[in-house]
């Protein structure tokens, strides 16, 4: 008789997004689409982290918590999508960290694309808390 897996080691406990029934729709996407989506979510996570930090520094705790939660969920979803891309199914293999040569190329291309998006993206341009000096007068 096999011993049960400890709760803390179960994959759906480590990444609660995997327990959601709607996540199963991701499995039907192509690997290229999954990697682009994961890259988008990584960028979303970084932006949310920035907003959380800015809110915290402005003593806006509830907004900081909101943006921090957004960042965490974006990271969890991106990781789950990336893992499903490597193995075809998140739950199928313990060696899911290994990439195929095609996926390595896609990840490198996405990294290049993401770095160009990150350098062109201005956090301040979208910050609703900034006050326009012309309006303040």
N, C-alpha and C. Protein backbone atom coordinates (compact mmCIF):
# COMPACT_ATOMS: atom_id res chain seq x y z
N UNK A 1 0.85 -1.17 0.00
CA UNK A 1 0.00 0.00 0.00
C UNK A 1 0.89 1.24 0.00
N UNK A 2 0.57 2.18 -0.88
CA UNK A 2 1.37 3.40 -0.95
C UNK A 2 0.88 4.41 0.07
N UNK A 3 1.81 5.16 0.60
CA UNK A 3 1.43 6.18 1.57
C UNK A 3 0.91 7.41 0.82
N UNK A 4 -0.08 8.09 1.40
CA UNK A 4 -0.63 9.27 0.72
C UNK A 4 0.40 10.41 0.69
N UNK A 5 0.29 11.23 -0.32
CA UNK A 5 1.17 12.40 -0.45
C UNK A 5 0.78 13.41 0.62
N UNK A 6 1.75 13.95 1.35
CA UNK A 6 1.41 14.97 2.34
C UNK A 6 0.72 16.16 1.66
N UNK A 7 -0.23 16.75 2.36
CA UNK A 7 -1.01 17.85 1.79
C UNK A 7 -0.12 18.97 1.27
N UNK A 8 0.93 19.30 2.01
CA UNK A 8 1.80 20.41 1.62
C UNK A 8 2.59 20.12 0.34
N UNK A 9 2.67 18.86 -0.07
CA UNK A 9 3.40 18.50 -1.29
C UNK A 9 2.49 18.37 -2.50
N UNK A 10 1.19 18.41 -2.29
CA UNK A 10 0.27 18.27 -3.42
C UNK A 10 0.35 19.50 -4.31
N UNK A 11 0.36 19.27 -5.61
CA UNK A 11 0.56 20.36 -6.56
C UNK A 11 -0.55 21.40 -6.51
N UNK A 12 -1.79 20.99 -6.28
CA UNK A 12 -2.90 21.95 -6.24
C UNK A 12 -2.91 22.76 -4.94
N UNK A 13 -2.17 22.33 -3.93
CA UNK A 13 -2.02 23.11 -2.70
C UNK A 13 -0.91 24.15 -2.91
N UNK A 14 0.15 23.75 -3.57
CA UNK A 14 1.25 24.68 -3.83
C UNK A 14 0.85 25.77 -4.82
N UNK A 15 -0.02 25.44 -5.78
CA UNK A 15 -0.52 26.42 -6.75
C UNK A 15 -2.03 26.26 -6.84
N UNK A 16 -2.79 27.02 -6.06
CA UNK A 16 -4.25 26.84 -5.97
C UNK A 16 -4.99 27.09 -7.28
N UNK A 17 -4.38 27.75 -8.23
CA UNK A 17 -5.01 27.99 -9.53
C UNK A 17 -5.33 26.66 -10.21
N UNK A 18 -4.48 25.66 -10.00
CA UNK A 18 -4.68 24.36 -10.64
C UNK A 18 -5.94 23.66 -10.18
N UNK A 19 -6.45 24.02 -9.01
CA UNK A 19 -7.66 23.39 -8.48
C UNK A 19 -8.92 23.98 -9.10
N UNK A 20 -8.81 25.09 -9.82
CA UNK A 20 -9.98 25.71 -10.43
C UNK A 20 -10.36 24.99 -11.72
N UNK A 21 -11.64 24.62 -11.85
CA UNK A 21 -12.07 23.90 -13.06
C UNK A 21 -11.83 24.69 -14.35
N UNK A 22 -11.92 25.99 -14.31
CA UNK A 22 -11.74 26.81 -15.51
C UNK A 22 -10.32 26.72 -16.07
N UNK A 23 -9.35 26.37 -15.24
CA UNK A 23 -7.97 26.30 -15.71
C UNK A 23 -7.78 25.19 -16.73
N UNK A 24 -8.63 24.18 -16.71
CA UNK A 24 -8.50 23.06 -17.65
C UNK A 24 -8.62 23.51 -19.10
N UNK A 25 -9.26 24.66 -19.35
CA UNK A 25 -9.38 25.17 -20.72
C UNK A 25 -8.02 25.56 -21.28
N UNK A 26 -7.07 25.86 -20.43
CA UNK A 26 -5.74 26.24 -20.88
C UNK A 26 -5.06 25.08 -21.61
N UNK A 27 -5.36 23.85 -21.23
CA UNK A 27 -4.72 22.69 -21.84
C UNK A 27 -5.01 22.59 -23.33
N UNK A 28 -6.12 23.17 -23.79
CA UNK A 28 -6.48 23.07 -25.21
C UNK A 28 -5.74 24.10 -26.07
N UNK A 29 -5.04 25.05 -25.47
CA UNK A 29 -4.31 26.06 -26.23
C UNK A 29 -3.00 25.48 -26.77
N UNK A 30 -2.51 26.07 -27.86
CA UNK A 30 -1.22 25.64 -28.40
C UNK A 30 -0.10 26.08 -27.46
N UNK A 31 1.04 25.41 -27.56
CA UNK A 31 2.18 25.76 -26.70
C UNK A 31 2.63 27.19 -26.92
N UNK A 32 2.64 27.64 -28.17
CA UNK A 32 3.06 29.01 -28.46
C UNK A 32 2.12 30.01 -27.79
N UNK A 33 0.84 29.76 -27.86
CA UNK A 33 -0.14 30.65 -27.23
C UNK A 33 0.03 30.65 -25.72
N UNK A 34 0.29 29.48 -25.15
CA UNK A 34 0.49 29.38 -23.71
C UNK A 34 1.70 30.20 -23.27
N UNK A 35 2.78 30.13 -24.03
CA UNK A 35 3.99 30.86 -23.66
C UNK A 35 3.80 32.37 -23.78
N UNK A 36 3.07 32.81 -24.80
CA UNK A 36 2.78 34.23 -24.94
C UNK A 36 1.90 34.70 -23.78
N UNK A 37 0.90 33.90 -23.44
CA UNK A 37 0.02 34.23 -22.32
C UNK A 37 0.81 34.28 -21.00
N UNK A 38 1.71 33.33 -20.81
CA UNK A 38 2.53 33.32 -19.59
C UNK A 38 3.43 34.56 -19.53
N UNK A 39 3.97 34.96 -20.67
CA UNK A 39 4.79 36.17 -20.71
C UNK A 39 3.97 37.40 -20.37
N UNK A 40 2.77 37.48 -20.91
CA UNK A 40 1.87 38.59 -20.59
C UNK A 40 1.57 38.64 -19.10
N UNK A 41 1.32 37.48 -18.50
CA UNK A 41 1.03 37.42 -17.08
C UNK A 41 2.26 37.80 -16.24
N UNK A 42 3.44 37.45 -16.71
CA UNK A 42 4.66 37.88 -16.00
C UNK A 42 4.76 39.41 -15.99
N UNK A 43 4.47 40.03 -17.13
CA UNK A 43 4.50 41.49 -17.19
C UNK A 43 3.43 42.09 -16.29
N UNK A 44 2.25 41.49 -16.28
CA UNK A 44 1.17 41.95 -15.42
C UNK A 44 1.60 41.86 -13.95
N UNK A 45 2.26 40.78 -13.61
CA UNK A 45 2.73 40.59 -12.23
C UNK A 45 3.73 41.66 -11.83
N UNK A 46 4.65 41.97 -12.73
CA UNK A 46 5.65 43.01 -12.43
C UNK A 46 4.99 44.37 -12.26
N UNK A 47 4.03 44.68 -13.13
CA UNK A 47 3.32 45.95 -13.00
C UNK A 47 2.54 46.02 -11.69
N UNK A 48 1.88 44.93 -11.33
CA UNK A 48 1.11 44.89 -10.09
C UNK A 48 2.04 45.02 -8.88
N UNK A 49 3.21 44.40 -8.94
CA UNK A 49 4.19 44.54 -7.86
C UNK A 49 4.61 46.00 -7.69
N UNK A 50 4.82 46.69 -8.81
CA UNK A 50 5.20 48.11 -8.77
C UNK A 50 4.10 48.94 -8.14
N UNK A 51 2.86 48.66 -8.54
CA UNK A 51 1.73 49.41 -7.98
C UNK A 51 1.58 49.12 -6.49
N UNK A 52 1.82 47.86 -6.09
CA UNK A 52 1.73 47.51 -4.68
C UNK A 52 2.77 48.27 -3.87
N UNK A 53 3.98 48.33 -4.39
CA UNK A 53 5.06 49.04 -3.69
C UNK A 53 4.75 50.53 -3.60
N UNK A 54 4.26 51.10 -4.70
CA UNK A 54 3.93 52.54 -4.70
C UNK A 54 2.80 52.82 -3.71
N UNK A 55 1.79 51.95 -3.68
CA UNK A 55 0.67 52.14 -2.74
C UNK A 55 1.15 52.02 -1.30
N UNK A 56 2.04 51.09 -1.04
CA UNK A 56 2.56 50.91 0.31
C UNK A 56 3.34 52.15 0.77
N UNK A 57 4.14 52.68 -0.13
CA UNK A 57 4.91 53.88 0.22
C UNK A 57 4.02 55.10 0.45
N UNK A 58 2.85 55.11 -0.17
CA UNK A 58 1.90 56.21 0.02
C UNK A 58 0.96 55.95 1.20
N UNK A 59 1.26 54.90 1.98
CA UNK A 59 0.46 54.54 3.15
C UNK A 59 -0.97 54.15 2.78
N UNK A 60 -1.12 53.49 1.63
CA UNK A 60 -2.43 53.02 1.18
C UNK A 60 -2.43 51.49 1.26
N UNK A 61 -2.52 50.99 2.48
CA UNK A 61 -2.42 49.56 2.75
C UNK A 61 -3.41 48.69 1.98
N UNK A 62 -4.70 49.04 1.96
CA UNK A 62 -5.66 48.19 1.24
C UNK A 62 -5.34 48.07 -0.25
N UNK A 63 -4.93 49.16 -0.87
CA UNK A 63 -4.58 49.09 -2.29
C UNK A 63 -3.28 48.31 -2.49
N UNK A 64 -2.35 48.44 -1.57
CA UNK A 64 -1.11 47.67 -1.66
C UNK A 64 -1.42 46.17 -1.57
N UNK A 65 -2.32 45.80 -0.67
CA UNK A 65 -2.70 44.38 -0.53
C UNK A 65 -3.40 43.89 -1.79
N UNK A 66 -4.26 44.73 -2.36
CA UNK A 66 -4.97 44.36 -3.59
C UNK A 66 -3.97 44.09 -4.72
N UNK A 67 -3.04 45.04 -4.94
CA UNK A 67 -2.10 44.87 -6.04
C UNK A 67 -1.13 43.72 -5.78
N UNK A 68 -0.78 43.49 -4.53
CA UNK A 68 0.09 42.36 -4.20
C UNK A 68 -0.61 41.04 -4.53
N UNK A 69 -1.90 40.96 -4.19
CA UNK A 69 -2.67 39.76 -4.50
C UNK A 69 -2.75 39.55 -6.02
N UNK A 70 -2.96 40.64 -6.76
CA UNK A 70 -2.99 40.54 -8.23
C UNK A 70 -1.67 39.98 -8.75
N UNK A 71 -0.57 40.46 -8.20
CA UNK A 71 0.75 39.99 -8.64
C UNK A 71 0.93 38.51 -8.35
N UNK A 72 0.51 38.08 -7.18
CA UNK A 72 0.66 36.68 -6.80
C UNK A 72 -0.17 35.78 -7.70
N UNK A 73 -1.42 36.15 -7.95
CA UNK A 73 -2.26 35.35 -8.83
C UNK A 73 -1.69 35.30 -10.24
N UNK A 74 -1.20 36.41 -10.74
CA UNK A 74 -0.61 36.42 -12.08
C UNK A 74 0.59 35.47 -12.15
N UNK A 75 1.43 35.48 -11.11
CA UNK A 75 2.58 34.58 -11.08
C UNK A 75 2.14 33.12 -11.04
N UNK A 76 1.15 32.81 -10.20
CA UNK A 76 0.67 31.44 -10.10
C UNK A 76 0.12 30.95 -11.43
N UNK A 77 -0.65 31.78 -12.09
CA UNK A 77 -1.24 31.38 -13.37
C UNK A 77 -0.15 31.21 -14.42
N UNK A 78 0.81 32.14 -14.47
CA UNK A 78 1.90 32.03 -15.45
C UNK A 78 2.70 30.75 -15.24
N UNK A 79 3.01 30.43 -13.99
CA UNK A 79 3.77 29.20 -13.72
C UNK A 79 2.99 27.96 -14.12
N UNK A 80 1.71 27.96 -13.81
CA UNK A 80 0.87 26.80 -14.16
C UNK A 80 0.78 26.64 -15.67
N UNK A 81 0.66 27.74 -16.38
CA UNK A 81 0.59 27.68 -17.85
C UNK A 81 1.91 27.18 -18.41
N UNK A 82 3.02 27.70 -17.89
CA UNK A 82 4.32 27.27 -18.39
C UNK A 82 4.54 25.78 -18.15
N UNK A 83 4.14 25.30 -16.97
CA UNK A 83 4.31 23.87 -16.67
C UNK A 83 3.45 23.02 -17.58
N UNK A 84 2.23 23.47 -17.88
CA UNK A 84 1.36 22.69 -18.76
C UNK A 84 1.94 22.65 -20.17
N UNK A 85 2.72 23.67 -20.51
CA UNK A 85 3.35 23.72 -21.83
C UNK A 85 4.49 22.70 -21.91
N UNK A 86 5.22 22.51 -20.84
CA UNK A 86 6.37 21.61 -20.83
C UNK A 86 5.94 20.15 -20.89
N UNK A 87 4.83 19.82 -20.25
CA UNK A 87 4.48 18.42 -20.09
C UNK A 87 3.22 18.02 -20.81
N UNK A 88 2.43 18.96 -21.27
CA UNK A 88 1.14 18.64 -21.85
C UNK A 88 0.07 18.60 -20.78
N UNK A 89 0.45 18.26 -19.58
CA UNK A 89 -0.45 18.26 -18.44
C UNK A 89 0.36 18.55 -17.20
N UNK A 90 -0.12 19.40 -16.36
CA UNK A 90 0.63 19.80 -15.17
C UNK A 90 0.86 18.61 -14.26
N UNK A 91 -0.08 17.72 -14.19
CA UNK A 91 -0.01 16.62 -13.22
C UNK A 91 0.66 15.37 -13.79
N UNK A 92 1.19 15.41 -15.02
CA UNK A 92 1.64 14.18 -15.65
C UNK A 92 3.05 13.75 -15.29
N UNK A 93 3.92 14.63 -14.85
CA UNK A 93 5.31 14.26 -14.69
C UNK A 93 5.97 15.01 -13.54
N UNK A 94 6.90 14.33 -12.90
CA UNK A 94 7.67 15.01 -11.86
C UNK A 94 8.84 15.77 -12.47
N UNK A 95 9.20 15.45 -13.72
CA UNK A 95 10.29 16.14 -14.40
C UNK A 95 9.76 17.21 -15.33
N UNK A 96 8.76 17.94 -14.91
CA UNK A 96 8.11 18.91 -15.78
C UNK A 96 8.94 20.16 -16.00
N UNK A 97 10.07 20.29 -15.32
CA UNK A 97 10.90 21.48 -15.49
C UNK A 97 11.75 21.42 -16.76
N UNK A 98 11.88 20.24 -17.39
CA UNK A 98 12.71 20.12 -18.57
C UNK A 98 11.98 20.70 -19.78
N UNK A 99 12.70 21.48 -20.57
CA UNK A 99 12.13 22.11 -21.75
C UNK A 99 12.57 21.38 -23.01
N UNK A 100 11.68 21.36 -23.99
CA UNK A 100 12.05 20.86 -25.29
C UNK A 100 12.82 21.97 -26.01
N UNK A 101 13.62 21.65 -27.02
CA UNK A 101 14.35 22.70 -27.74
C UNK A 101 13.42 23.76 -28.35
N UNK A 102 12.25 23.32 -28.83
CA UNK A 102 11.31 24.28 -29.41
C UNK A 102 10.80 25.26 -28.36
N UNK A 103 10.49 24.74 -27.17
CA UNK A 103 9.99 25.61 -26.10
C UNK A 103 11.08 26.53 -25.57
N UNK A 104 12.33 26.06 -25.55
CA UNK A 104 13.43 26.93 -25.14
C UNK A 104 13.56 28.11 -26.09
N UNK A 105 13.42 27.85 -27.40
CA UNK A 105 13.49 28.93 -28.38
C UNK A 105 12.32 29.90 -28.18
N UNK A 106 11.12 29.37 -27.96
CA UNK A 106 9.95 30.23 -27.73
C UNK A 106 10.14 31.08 -26.47
N UNK A 107 10.67 30.48 -25.41
CA UNK A 107 10.90 31.23 -24.18
C UNK A 107 11.92 32.35 -24.39
N UNK A 108 12.99 32.06 -25.15
CA UNK A 108 13.98 33.10 -25.42
C UNK A 108 13.37 34.23 -26.24
N UNK A 109 12.56 33.87 -27.25
CA UNK A 109 11.89 34.90 -28.05
C UNK A 109 10.95 35.73 -27.19
N UNK A 110 10.23 35.07 -26.29
CA UNK A 110 9.31 35.79 -25.40
C UNK A 110 10.06 36.70 -24.44
N UNK A 111 11.24 36.25 -23.97
CA UNK A 111 12.04 37.09 -23.08
C UNK A 111 12.49 38.36 -23.81
N UNK A 112 12.90 38.20 -25.08
CA UNK A 112 13.30 39.38 -25.86
C UNK A 112 12.13 40.32 -26.02
N UNK A 113 10.97 39.75 -26.37
CA UNK A 113 9.76 40.55 -26.56
C UNK A 113 9.37 41.24 -25.25
N UNK A 114 9.43 40.50 -24.13
CA UNK A 114 9.05 41.04 -22.84
C UNK A 114 9.99 42.17 -22.41
N UNK A 115 11.29 42.02 -22.66
CA UNK A 115 12.21 43.08 -22.27
C UNK A 115 11.96 44.34 -23.10
N UNK A 116 11.60 44.17 -24.36
CA UNK A 116 11.32 45.37 -25.16
C UNK A 116 10.01 46.01 -24.72
N UNK A 117 9.04 45.22 -24.31
CA UNK A 117 7.78 45.77 -23.80
C UNK A 117 8.03 46.48 -22.48
N UNK A 118 8.82 45.88 -21.59
CA UNK A 118 9.07 46.47 -20.28
C UNK A 118 9.79 47.80 -20.39
N UNK A 119 10.72 47.93 -21.34
CA UNK A 119 11.45 49.19 -21.45
C UNK A 119 10.58 50.27 -22.06
N UNK A 120 9.59 49.89 -22.87
CA UNK A 120 8.72 50.88 -23.48
C UNK A 120 7.54 51.24 -22.60
N UNK A 121 7.27 50.45 -21.58
CA UNK A 121 6.10 50.67 -20.74
C UNK A 121 6.43 51.66 -19.63
N UNK A 122 5.60 52.64 -19.48
CA UNK A 122 5.82 53.64 -18.45
C UNK A 122 4.78 53.50 -17.36
N UNK A 123 5.22 53.15 -16.17
CA UNK A 123 4.31 52.99 -15.04
C UNK A 123 3.65 54.31 -14.70
N UNK A 124 4.41 55.39 -14.75
CA UNK A 124 3.87 56.69 -14.37
C UNK A 124 2.76 57.14 -15.31
N UNK A 125 2.82 56.74 -16.57
CA UNK A 125 1.80 57.17 -17.52
C UNK A 125 0.43 56.59 -17.17
N UNK A 126 0.41 55.49 -16.44
CA UNK A 126 -0.85 54.84 -16.10
C UNK A 126 -1.22 55.00 -14.63
N UNK A 127 -0.45 55.75 -13.89
CA UNK A 127 -0.69 55.88 -12.47
C UNK A 127 -1.79 56.91 -12.23
N UNK A 128 -2.94 56.43 -11.77
CA UNK A 128 -4.08 57.32 -11.57
C UNK A 128 -3.90 58.23 -10.35
N UNK A 129 -2.90 57.99 -9.53
CA UNK A 129 -2.69 58.79 -8.33
C UNK A 129 -1.85 60.04 -8.59
N UNK A 130 -1.21 60.11 -9.75
CA UNK A 130 -0.41 61.31 -10.07
C UNK A 130 -1.34 62.50 -10.29
N UNK A 131 -0.94 63.63 -9.80
CA UNK A 131 -1.74 64.84 -9.96
C UNK A 131 -1.09 65.71 -11.02
N UNK A 132 -1.88 66.14 -11.98
CA UNK A 132 -1.40 67.02 -13.04
C UNK A 132 -1.24 68.41 -12.45
N UNK A 133 -0.03 69.01 -12.49
CA UNK A 133 0.18 70.32 -11.89
C UNK A 133 -0.75 71.39 -12.47
N UNK A 134 -1.10 71.27 -13.74
CA UNK A 134 -2.00 72.26 -14.35
C UNK A 134 -3.39 72.18 -13.74
N UNK A 135 -3.84 70.98 -13.40
CA UNK A 135 -5.17 70.80 -12.80
C UNK A 135 -5.19 71.19 -11.33
N UNK A 136 -4.05 71.05 -10.67
CA UNK A 136 -4.00 71.32 -9.23
C UNK A 136 -4.17 72.81 -8.92
N UNK A 137 -3.85 73.66 -9.85
CA UNK A 137 -3.92 75.11 -9.61
C UNK A 137 -5.32 75.65 -9.59
